[in-house]
Protein backbone atom coordinates (compact mmCIF):
# COMPACT_ATOMS: atom_id res chain seq x y z
CA UNK A 1 22.06 16.47 -29.87
CA UNK A 2 19.83 17.31 -26.66
CA UNK A 3 21.90 18.61 -23.68
CA UNK A 4 22.16 16.46 -20.49
CA UNK A 5 20.27 19.02 -18.47
CA UNK A 6 17.54 19.72 -20.90
CA UNK A 7 16.96 15.95 -21.27
CA UNK A 8 17.00 15.29 -17.44
CA UNK A 9 14.51 18.27 -16.96
CA UNK A 10 12.23 16.87 -19.70
CA UNK A 11 12.13 13.41 -18.13
CA UNK A 12 11.89 14.88 -14.69
CA UNK A 13 8.53 16.61 -15.85
CA UNK A 14 7.49 13.48 -17.54
CA UNK A 15 8.02 11.25 -14.48
CA UNK A 16 6.12 13.75 -12.38
CA UNK A 17 3.17 13.79 -14.88
CA UNK A 18 3.13 10.12 -15.19
CA UNK A 19 2.65 9.79 -11.36
CA UNK A 20 0.41 12.77 -10.92
CA UNK A 21 -2.27 12.33 -13.84
CA UNK A 22 -3.28 8.67 -13.00
CA UNK A 23 -3.35 9.62 -9.21
CA UNK A 24 -5.83 12.37 -10.06
CA UNK A 25 -7.61 10.20 -12.49
CA UNK A 26 -8.11 7.71 -9.43
CA UNK A 27 -8.73 10.48 -6.90
CA UNK A 28 -12.12 8.85 -6.03
CA UNK A 29 -10.51 5.55 -4.88
CA UNK A 30 -10.13 4.69 -1.21
CA UNK A 31 -10.73 1.70 0.99
CA UNK A 32 -12.49 1.32 4.47
CA UNK A 33 -9.20 0.73 6.14
CA UNK A 34 -7.82 4.14 5.24
CA UNK A 35 -10.36 5.57 7.80
CA UNK A 36 -8.74 3.39 10.70
CA UNK A 37 -5.42 5.30 10.98
CA UNK A 38 -7.49 8.57 10.64
CA UNK A 39 -9.30 7.73 13.84
CA UNK A 40 -6.04 6.82 15.55
CA UNK A 41 -4.47 10.12 14.38
CA UNK A 42 -7.52 12.21 15.63
CA UNK A 43 -7.17 10.64 19.01
CA UNK A 44 -3.32 11.33 18.93
CA UNK A 45 -4.00 15.00 18.13
CA UNK A 46 -6.72 15.33 20.76
CA UNK A 47 -4.40 14.10 23.39
CA UNK A 48 -6.14 10.68 23.93
CA UNK A 49 -3.04 8.78 22.86
CA UNK A 50 -2.44 5.96 20.31
CA UNK A 51 -5.89 4.15 20.51
CA UNK A 52 -8.89 3.59 18.23
CA UNK A 53 -11.49 4.39 20.81
CA UNK A 54 -10.87 7.68 22.75
CA UNK A 55 -11.73 5.86 26.02
CA UNK A 56 -10.65 2.39 25.19
CA UNK A 57 -7.30 0.59 25.40
CA UNK A 58 -4.26 1.37 23.30
CA UNK A 59 -4.04 -1.13 20.55
CA UNK A 60 -1.94 -2.09 17.53
CA UNK A 61 -4.54 -1.41 14.95
CA UNK A 62 -2.33 0.32 12.13
CA UNK A 63 0.24 -1.86 10.46
CA UNK A 64 2.39 1.08 9.39
CA UNK A 65 3.19 2.03 12.97
CA UNK A 66 4.39 5.66 12.20
CA UNK A 67 1.62 6.56 9.80
CA UNK A 68 -1.04 7.70 12.38
CA UNK A 69 1.56 9.99 13.99
CA UNK A 70 2.29 11.53 10.51
CA UNK A 71 -1.61 12.03 9.91
CA UNK A 72 -2.07 13.50 13.42
CA UNK A 73 -1.19 17.04 12.24
CA UNK A 74 -3.52 16.74 9.31
CA UNK A 75 -6.55 15.38 11.48
CA UNK A 76 -9.27 17.52 12.52
CA UNK A 77 -12.88 17.08 14.21
CA UNK A 78 -14.07 15.32 10.82
CA UNK A 79 -12.63 11.97 9.69
CA UNK A 80 -13.58 12.70 6.05
CA UNK A 81 -11.59 15.99 5.97
CA UNK A 82 -8.66 14.21 7.42
CA UNK A 83 -8.99 11.30 4.74
CA UNK A 84 -8.94 13.98 1.96
CA UNK A 85 -5.68 15.48 3.48
CA UNK A 86 -4.17 12.15 3.64
CA UNK A 87 -5.13 11.42 -0.03
CA UNK A 88 -3.59 14.75 -0.97
CA UNK A 89 -0.40 13.86 0.87
CA UNK A 90 -0.07 10.53 -0.85
CA UNK A 91 -0.61 12.17 -4.23
CA UNK A 92 2.09 14.87 -3.62
CA UNK A 93 4.44 12.35 -2.24
CA UNK A 94 4.17 9.99 -5.20
CA UNK A 95 4.50 12.85 -7.66
CA UNK A 96 7.65 13.71 -6.08
CA UNK A 97 8.91 10.16 -6.35
CA UNK A 98 7.88 10.02 -10.01
CA UNK A 99 10.01 13.20 -10.71
CA UNK A 100 12.98 11.34 -9.05
CA UNK A 101 12.43 8.39 -11.21
CA UNK A 102 11.98 10.45 -14.42
CA UNK A 103 15.15 12.37 -13.59
CA UNK A 104 17.12 9.14 -13.28
CA UNK A 105 15.76 7.68 -16.47
CA UNK A 106 16.76 10.79 -18.19
CA UNK A 107 20.29 10.50 -17.00
CA UNK A 108 20.35 6.84 -17.99
CA UNK A 109 19.44 7.33 -21.61
CA UNK A 110 21.58 10.55 -22.17
CA UNK A 111 23.74 9.80 -25.20
CA UNK A 112 21.93 6.76 -26.37
CA UNK A 113 19.97 6.32 -29.59
CA UNK A 114 16.69 8.10 -30.24
CA UNK A 115 14.98 4.76 -30.32
CA UNK A 116 16.15 3.92 -26.77
CA UNK A 117 14.93 7.39 -25.65
CA UNK A 118 11.58 6.73 -27.09
CA UNK A 119 11.49 3.31 -25.46
CA UNK A 120 12.15 5.14 -22.14
CA UNK A 121 9.38 7.62 -22.68
CA UNK A 122 6.75 4.81 -23.39
CA UNK A 123 8.16 2.88 -20.39
CA UNK A 124 7.11 5.76 -18.19
CA UNK A 125 3.84 6.01 -19.99
CA UNK A 126 3.34 2.27 -19.28
CA UNK A 127 3.96 3.02 -15.66
CA UNK A 128 1.09 5.78 -15.87
CA UNK A 129 -1.24 3.32 -17.61
CA UNK A 130 -0.84 0.93 -14.51
CA UNK A 131 -3.64 2.61 -12.65
CA UNK A 132 -3.33 0.74 -9.32
CA UNK A 133 -0.24 2.80 -8.66
CA UNK A 134 -2.07 6.08 -9.00
CA UNK A 135 -5.10 4.63 -7.20
CA UNK A 136 -3.05 3.52 -4.05
CA UNK A 137 -1.21 6.83 -4.06
CA UNK A 138 -4.78 8.68 -3.82
CA UNK A 139 -6.23 6.12 -1.37
CA UNK A 140 -5.34 7.88 1.90
CA UNK A 141 -3.32 4.87 2.89
CA UNK A 142 0.36 4.82 3.49
CA UNK A 143 1.04 3.21 0.09
CA UNK A 144 1.70 6.56 -1.57
CA UNK A 145 4.51 7.30 0.91
CA UNK A 146 5.95 3.71 0.66
CA UNK A 147 5.91 3.99 -3.17
CA UNK A 148 7.65 7.38 -3.20
CA UNK A 149 10.41 6.25 -0.85
CA UNK A 150 11.06 2.94 -2.51
CA UNK A 151 11.25 4.69 -5.84
CA UNK A 152 13.71 7.29 -4.65
CA UNK A 153 15.80 4.70 -3.22
CA UNK A 154 16.10 2.97 -6.48
CA UNK A 155 16.70 6.26 -8.33
CA UNK A 156 19.60 6.85 -6.05
CA UNK A 157 21.02 3.31 -6.73
CA UNK A 158 24.61 3.68 -8.21
CA UNK A 159 24.65 7.47 -7.86
CA UNK A 160 24.12 8.00 -4.24
CA UNK A 161 25.97 6.49 -1.27
CA UNK A 162 25.13 2.87 -0.61
CA UNK A 163 24.24 3.49 2.94
CA UNK A 164 22.01 6.43 2.02
CA UNK A 165 20.24 4.18 -0.37
CA UNK A 166 20.06 1.33 2.23
CA UNK A 167 18.52 3.89 4.74
CA UNK A 168 15.82 5.15 2.32
CA UNK A 169 14.98 1.52 1.48
CA UNK A 170 14.76 0.62 5.19
CA UNK A 171 12.50 3.68 5.74
CA UNK A 172 9.88 1.91 3.39
CA UNK A 173 9.82 -1.21 5.82
CA UNK A 174 8.67 1.07 8.59
CA UNK A 175 5.55 1.68 6.73
CA UNK A 176 5.25 -1.73 5.01
CA UNK A 177 6.79 -4.42 7.24
CA UNK A 178 6.80 -7.05 4.25
CA UNK A 179 9.17 -4.92 2.43
CA UNK A 180 12.16 -5.45 4.76
CA UNK A 181 13.20 -8.30 2.47
CA UNK A 182 13.15 -6.00 -0.59
CA UNK A 183 14.96 -3.24 1.43
CA UNK A 184 17.80 -5.58 2.52
CA UNK A 185 18.24 -7.09 -0.98
CA UNK A 186 18.40 -3.46 -2.62
CA UNK A 187 20.76 -2.45 0.02
CA UNK A 188 23.19 -5.18 -0.64
CA UNK A 189 22.86 -4.65 -4.32
CA UNK A 190 23.75 -0.98 -3.68
CA UNK A 191 26.82 -1.82 -1.75
CA UNK A 192 28.11 -4.26 -4.27
CA UNK A 193 27.16 -2.17 -7.28
CA UNK A 194 28.95 0.91 -5.92
CA UNK A 195 28.70 4.37 -7.09
CA UNK A 196 29.11 5.69 -10.65
CA UNK A 197 32.92 6.35 -11.25
CA UNK A 198 33.93 3.75 -8.78
CA UNK A 199 36.69 1.38 -10.02
CA UNK A 200 35.81 -2.36 -9.46
CA UNK A 201 38.61 -2.48 -6.68
CA UNK A 202 36.74 0.02 -4.56
CA UNK A 203 33.24 -1.24 -4.87
CA UNK A 204 31.82 -3.08 -1.80
CA UNK A 205 32.41 -6.59 -0.94
CA UNK A 206 30.70 -9.04 1.62
CA UNK A 207 31.29 -6.85 4.61
CA UNK A 208 29.90 -3.83 2.86
CA UNK A 209 26.80 -5.82 1.84
CA UNK A 210 26.20 -7.18 5.24
CA UNK A 211 26.71 -3.52 6.88
CA UNK A 212 24.12 -2.14 4.19
CA UNK A 213 21.64 -4.74 4.92
CA UNK A 214 21.86 -4.09 8.65
CA UNK A 215 21.28 -0.35 8.03
CA UNK A 216 18.20 -1.30 5.80
CA UNK A 217 16.80 -3.56 8.80
CA UNK A 218 16.97 -0.94 11.39
CA UNK A 219 13.64 0.73 10.97
CA UNK A 220 11.88 -2.61 10.58
CA UNK A 221 13.53 -3.98 13.88
CA UNK A 222 12.82 -0.60 15.79
CA UNK A 223 9.03 -0.94 14.90
CA UNK A 224 9.11 -4.67 15.86
CA UNK A 225 10.85 -3.73 19.12
CA UNK A 226 8.44 -0.91 20.01
CA UNK A 227 5.49 -3.35 19.33
CA UNK A 228 6.96 -6.02 21.51
CA UNK A 229 7.59 -3.48 24.41
CA UNK A 230 4.17 -1.82 24.12
CA UNK A 231 1.66 -4.41 22.74
CA UNK A 232 3.62 -7.67 23.81
CA UNK A 233 4.20 -8.98 20.29
CA UNK A 234 6.68 -7.98 17.59
CA UNK A 235 4.43 -8.43 14.58
CA UNK A 236 1.43 -6.22 13.71
CA UNK A 237 -2.09 -7.09 14.96
CA UNK A 238 -3.30 -7.65 11.39
CA UNK A 239 -1.07 -10.71 11.07
CA UNK A 240 -3.45 -12.29 13.58
CA UNK A 241 -6.65 -10.58 12.41
CA UNK A 242 -6.02 -11.41 8.80
CA UNK A 243 -4.41 -14.85 8.70
CA UNK A 244 -3.74 -16.25 5.10
CA UNK A 245 -1.80 -19.05 3.40
CA UNK A 246 0.80 -19.82 0.82
CA UNK A 247 -1.95 -20.70 -1.86
CA UNK A 248 -3.56 -17.35 -1.56
CA UNK A 249 -0.23 -15.74 -1.53
CA UNK A 250 0.84 -17.42 -4.80
CA UNK A 251 -2.38 -16.33 -6.53
CA UNK A 252 -2.04 -12.94 -5.31
CA UNK A 253 1.66 -12.56 -6.43
CA UNK A 254 0.69 -13.99 -9.92
CA UNK A 255 -2.26 -11.71 -10.45
CA UNK A 256 -0.64 -8.61 -9.01
CA UNK A 257 2.51 -9.03 -11.16
CA UNK A 258 0.32 -8.76 -14.27
CA UNK A 259 -1.77 -5.84 -12.98
CA UNK A 260 0.91 -3.47 -12.23
CA UNK A 261 2.32 -3.98 -15.74
CA UNK A 262 5.93 -3.04 -15.08
CA UNK A 263 7.24 -6.67 -14.47
CA UNK A 264 6.33 -7.42 -18.05
CA UNK A 265 8.78 -4.64 -19.02
CA UNK A 266 11.79 -6.53 -17.58
CA UNK A 267 10.82 -10.12 -18.72
CA UNK A 268 14.08 -10.48 -20.46
CA UNK A 269 15.92 -13.46 -19.08
CA UNK A 270 18.49 -13.69 -21.88
CA UNK A 271 19.46 -10.06 -21.63
CA UNK A 272 19.75 -10.37 -17.80
CA UNK A 273 21.95 -13.54 -17.94
CA UNK A 274 24.15 -12.51 -20.91
CA UNK A 275 24.15 -8.72 -20.81
CA UNK A 276 27.30 -6.93 -19.55
CA UNK A 277 28.06 -3.43 -18.26
CA UNK A 278 27.09 -1.25 -15.36
CA UNK A 279 23.64 -0.51 -16.49
CA UNK A 280 22.66 -4.24 -16.76
CA UNK A 281 24.22 -4.85 -13.38
CA UNK A 282 21.96 -1.99 -11.99
CA UNK A 283 18.97 -3.69 -13.59
CA UNK A 284 19.81 -7.02 -12.05
CA UNK A 285 19.84 -5.44 -8.62
CA UNK A 286 16.50 -3.86 -8.97
CA UNK A 287 15.03 -7.05 -10.39
CA UNK A 288 16.51 -9.23 -7.70
CA UNK A 289 15.05 -6.93 -5.00
CA UNK A 290 11.70 -7.15 -6.70
CA UNK A 291 11.81 -10.89 -6.82
CA UNK A 292 12.69 -10.82 -3.20
CA UNK A 293 9.65 -8.74 -2.41
CA UNK A 294 7.35 -11.09 -4.46
CA UNK A 295 8.58 -14.01 -2.33
CA UNK A 296 8.05 -12.01 0.79
CA UNK A 297 4.41 -11.26 -0.20
CA UNK A 298 3.88 -14.81 -1.08
CA UNK A 299 5.05 -15.94 2.18
CA UNK A 300 2.88 -13.39 4.07
CA UNK A 301 -0.12 -14.97 2.11
CA UNK A 302 -0.93 -11.91 -0.04
CA UNK A 303 -3.52 -9.35 0.80
CA UNK A 304 -7.27 -8.87 0.87
CA UNK A 305 -7.49 -5.43 -0.57
CA UNK A 306 -8.03 -4.67 -4.48
CA UNK A 307 -5.67 -3.40 -7.05
CA UNK A 308 -2.44 -5.16 -5.98
CA UNK A 309 -1.60 -2.98 -3.05
CA UNK A 310 1.33 -4.97 -1.80
CA UNK A 311 3.14 -5.02 -5.20
CA UNK A 312 2.46 -1.28 -5.93
CA UNK A 313 5.54 0.15 -4.04
CA UNK A 314 8.06 -1.74 -6.00
CA UNK A 315 6.46 -1.41 -9.46
CA UNK A 316 7.67 1.91 -10.64
CA UNK A 317 11.37 1.01 -10.05
CA UNK A 318 11.13 -1.71 -12.75
CA UNK A 319 10.83 1.14 -15.23
CA UNK A 320 14.42 2.10 -14.54
CA UNK A 321 15.48 -1.48 -14.85
CA UNK A 322 13.82 -1.74 -18.16
CA UNK A 323 15.58 1.52 -19.31
CA UNK A 324 18.90 0.13 -17.98
CA UNK A 325 18.49 -3.06 -19.99
CA UNK A 326 17.65 -0.98 -23.17
CA UNK A 327 21.23 -0.80 -24.36
CA UNK A 328 21.81 -4.59 -24.28
CA UNK A 329 18.16 -5.87 -25.26
CA UNK A 330 16.98 -6.27 -28.69
CA UNK A 331 14.85 -3.35 -29.77
CA UNK A 332 12.23 -5.68 -31.27
CA UNK A 333 11.78 -7.68 -27.98
CA UNK A 334 11.71 -4.30 -26.14
CA UNK A 335 8.82 -3.02 -28.34
CA UNK A 336 7.01 -6.43 -27.85
CA UNK A 337 7.30 -6.12 -24.04
CA UNK A 338 6.21 -2.47 -24.13
CA UNK A 339 3.14 -3.48 -26.37
CA UNK A 340 2.17 -6.18 -24.09
CA UNK A 341 2.27 -3.98 -21.07
CA UNK A 342 0.28 -1.09 -22.75
CA UNK A 343 -2.36 -3.39 -24.26
CA UNK A 344 -3.01 -5.22 -20.86
CA UNK A 345 -2.84 -1.91 -19.05
CA UNK A 346 -5.53 -0.36 -21.30
CA UNK A 347 -7.76 -3.41 -21.00
CA UNK A 348 -7.47 -3.04 -17.12
CA UNK A 349 -8.11 0.56 -17.23
CA UNK A 350 -11.37 0.17 -19.04
CA UNK A 351 -12.71 -2.73 -17.30
CA UNK A 352 -11.27 -2.57 -13.62
CA UNK A 353 -10.58 1.14 -12.93
CA UNK A 354 -14.12 2.58 -13.00
CA UNK A 355 -15.46 0.73 -10.21
CA UNK A 356 -12.68 2.26 -8.05
CA UNK A 357 -13.28 5.87 -8.77
CA UNK A 358 -16.52 6.15 -7.07
CA UNK A 359 -15.55 4.59 -3.60
CA UNK A 360 -14.77 7.76 -1.69
CA UNK A 361 -17.84 9.45 -2.79
CA UNK A 362 -19.92 6.46 -1.79
CA UNK A 363 -18.17 6.17 1.69
CA UNK A 364 -18.55 9.87 2.23
CA UNK A 365 -22.38 9.75 1.45
CA UNK A 366 -22.72 6.62 3.82
CA UNK A 367 -20.90 8.36 6.63
CA UNK A 368 -23.13 11.48 6.22
CA UNK A 369 -26.26 9.38 6.37
CA UNK A 370 -25.16 7.32 9.16
CA UNK A 371 -24.14 10.11 11.57
CA UNK A 372 -27.69 11.07 12.68
CA UNK A 373 -28.63 7.31 12.79
CA UNK A 374 -25.77 6.62 15.19
CA UNK A 375 -26.15 9.70 17.25
CA UNK A 376 -27.37 8.00 20.37
CA UNK A 377 -25.23 4.74 20.17
CA UNK A 378 -22.80 4.12 22.98
CA UNK A 379 -21.06 0.91 21.87
CA UNK A 380 -21.33 -0.28 18.16
CA UNK A 381 -20.23 -3.62 16.76
CA UNK A 382 -19.37 -3.69 13.08
CA UNK A 383 -16.93 -5.63 10.66
CA UNK A 384 -16.14 -2.56 8.45
CA UNK A 385 -15.12 -0.22 11.33
CA UNK A 386 -13.31 2.45 9.23
CA UNK A 387 -16.38 4.36 8.01
CA UNK A 388 -18.30 3.58 11.33
CA UNK A 389 -15.34 5.16 13.23
CA UNK A 390 -15.66 8.26 10.97
CA UNK A 391 -19.51 8.43 11.59
CA UNK A 392 -19.76 8.10 15.37
CA UNK A 393 -17.55 8.72 18.51
CA UNK A 394 -19.14 5.75 20.05
CA UNK A 395 -16.92 2.74 21.47
CA UNK A 396 -16.70 0.19 18.67
CA UNK A 397 -16.32 -3.58 18.83
CA UNK A 398 -14.24 -4.60 15.95
CA UNK A 399 -15.61 -7.95 14.70
CA UNK A 400 -12.61 -8.41 12.41
CA UNK A 401 -10.17 -7.96 15.22
CA UNK A 402 -7.97 -5.30 13.35
CA UNK A 403 -7.98 -3.15 16.38
CA UNK A 404 -9.00 -5.59 19.17
CA UNK A 405 -6.33 -8.21 20.19
CA UNK A 406 -8.87 -10.26 21.96
CA UNK A 407 -10.83 -10.77 18.92
CA UNK A 408 -7.91 -11.01 16.59
CA UNK A 409 -6.79 -14.09 18.45
CA UNK A 410 -10.13 -16.00 18.09
CA UNK A 411 -10.32 -18.70 15.47
CA UNK A 412 -11.20 -17.71 11.86
CA UNK A 413 -10.32 -15.24 9.30
CA UNK A 414 -10.83 -11.53 9.30
CA UNK A 415 -14.39 -11.87 8.27
CA UNK A 416 -15.17 -15.24 10.15
CA UNK A 417 -14.02 -14.63 13.69
CA UNK A 418 -15.71 -16.62 16.31
CA UNK A 419 -17.74 -13.73 17.71
CA UNK A 420 -21.33 -14.54 18.97
CA UNK A 421 -24.11 -12.46 20.26
CA UNK A 422 -23.33 -13.29 23.83
CA UNK A 423 -19.90 -11.71 23.45
CA UNK A 424 -21.50 -8.55 22.09
CA UNK A 425 -23.87 -8.38 24.99
CA UNK A 426 -21.06 -8.92 27.53
CA UNK A 427 -19.22 -5.85 25.94
CA UNK A 428 -22.34 -3.72 26.26
CA UNK A 429 -23.10 -3.36 22.56
CA UNK A 430 -26.28 -1.44 21.78
CA UNK A 431 -25.98 -1.14 18.03
CA UNK A 432 -24.99 -3.73 15.54
CA UNK A 433 -24.18 -2.81 11.76
CA UNK A 434 -24.33 -5.68 9.27
CA UNK A 435 -23.49 -5.48 5.49
CA UNK A 436 -26.04 -6.62 2.95
CA UNK A 437 -23.91 -9.23 1.53
CA UNK A 438 -23.42 -10.97 4.95
CA UNK A 439 -19.90 -12.33 5.71
CA UNK A 440 -19.38 -15.42 7.95
CA UNK A 441 -19.22 -13.60 11.27
CA UNK A 442 -22.28 -11.50 10.39
CA UNK A 443 -24.20 -14.70 9.43
CA UNK A 444 -23.41 -16.30 12.75
CA UNK A 445 -24.78 -13.15 14.61
CA UNK A 446 -27.90 -12.42 12.68
CA UNK A 447 -29.12 -15.97 12.61
CA UNK A 448 -28.87 -16.55 16.36
CA UNK A 449 -32.00 -16.70 18.45
CA UNK A 450 -30.37 -14.54 21.19
CA UNK A 451 -29.79 -11.68 18.60
CA UNK A 452 -33.24 -11.95 17.24
CA UNK A 453 -34.54 -11.74 20.85
CA UNK A 454 -32.22 -8.82 21.99
CA UNK A 455 -31.99 -6.65 18.75
CA UNK A 456 -34.19 -5.30 16.17
CA UNK A 457 -33.73 -3.58 12.83
CA UNK A 458 -33.58 0.15 13.29
CA UNK A 459 -32.44 1.65 9.93
CA UNK A 460 -30.97 0.78 6.39
CA UNK A 461 -28.17 2.88 4.97
CA UNK A 462 -27.57 2.57 1.29
CA UNK A 463 -24.08 2.30 -0.12
CA UNK A 464 -23.49 3.40 -3.75
CA UNK A 465 -25.84 2.74 -6.71
CA UNK A 466 -25.52 -0.97 -7.17
CA UNK A 467 -27.92 -1.93 -4.39
CA UNK A 468 -25.63 -2.60 -1.53
CA UNK A 469 -26.45 -1.43 1.93
CA UNK A 470 -25.81 -1.57 5.70
CA UNK A 471 -28.47 -2.63 8.24
CA UNK A 472 -28.36 -0.91 11.71
CA UNK A 473 -29.67 -3.00 14.51
CA UNK A 474 -30.50 -1.39 17.92
CA UNK A 475 -30.86 -3.33 21.25
CA UNK A 476 -34.46 -3.83 22.30
CA UNK A 477 -35.57 -1.93 25.40
C-alpha cells in the first residue's frame, strides 16, 4: 500500500502540473481590460496616484480594488512588460493553488480503493482539460489570484480552522466582489462542518456560522466602504458602465457551467441527498457554495468577457467535491461523469482554445504599431482603452465609461453609451480610434456630420490575421 506521504506528494505534484501546463498552453491569451489596471499601477508607482490618466481625476476604474496596488511593484515604463509580469504572477499563484488542491485530494483518497484513486487522478486531469481555468490564470487579470485563493480556502475546509477558511474565502471577494456570496456560504459550511477529529458536539452551531460569515464579508465590506468614501458609491464603476440583466445572466451561467467542466463531475443528486459521512458533508458544503456563486453571477447579469471568467475561480474546488463523493457514488456513474467532462473538454479545446492563444501577440503588435501613430496625440477617445493606454501617455476619453464616471452614468450599455461628437469636442479630443466592426457608440460618432467636418482618417492599424483593424482619425486643422 502506498504511504500517506508518498501519495500526498504525488498528488501535490499532479495538482501543480494540472494547473501549470494548461496555463502555459494558454499563455498567449489576454483581454484588453487587463491593460487597464496596468496603467493604474504604473501611475501609482510613478507617484501620480490611483488614476487612469496621469493628469486626470482619480477614478474607480478597476473592479478588483487592491489589484492595481499589487501590480505597482511589477510595473515599469512599458505597459506590455508589466502585462507579462502580471501574467506570470497569475500563473505562479494558480500553480500554488493547484498544488494545494492536489495535496488535499491525495489526503482524501488515502486508504481508498485503487479505482477511486484513479478517478481522483482523472478528476484533476479533467480540471486541466478545462482550458478557461488556465487561460484566465495567464490573462494578466486578477482571476489567477482569485482562483488560487478560492481553491486554497476549499482545500483547507475541514482541516483548517473555520475562521481561517472564512478569511481566505473573504479575501477572494476583495478581488471579485460577486464572490462575497460564495465566501459567506463557504464560511458557514466550514463552521458547521468543523475540523477533522471534532466530535459532533464540538462542531459549530448557528452562532459560529454567523460569526464565520461575518469574517468572510469583511474584505468585501471594506472595499465597499473605501469606494463610498473616495468615489461616492459603494459599487464598482463597472456596474454602471456595463449594465446587464437576468436573462443574460441566466444564459451566461448555463453556458459557463458547461465550459468549466467540473460542475459535470458533481452532478450526482442522489448521492448528495442520500450519502452519509464526513466526506459527503464536505462535498455538500463545496457544492452549496458553488450554487450560491452561480446565483450571484446570475443576479449580476453575467459577464461580457470570453471563456466563463466569473465561474473560473470556483471551478477547481469542485474536483475536491467529486473526490469526496467518490466513496458514496456508484463507480459506473462516476465514470460516466468523468467521460462526459473529458469529452466536452476535448471538443472545446479543439474548437475554442486556438482563437485565444494569439490574443497577446496580436495586442502587442497593435500597440507597437500604434505608438508612432499616436505620438503627437494629446486627448484620445476610444472604446477599447486598454491597448490605447499602453500605446500612448495621452489623456484618454473612455467611450465605455469604465474609467470615467460621467460617461458611465450615461444611458446605454458599455458599447452604446450616449456619447456624441460634440461631447468629444468639449473635452478637447484631437484623436479618435474606432474598431473595424463598429459598435453602437462608434456608429453614432462616425456617422455624424459634425464628426465628418471636424475629423479625418489618419491611419489604419491592423489587428491580427483575420482582417480586423482600428482606424485612427485626427482632428482637422
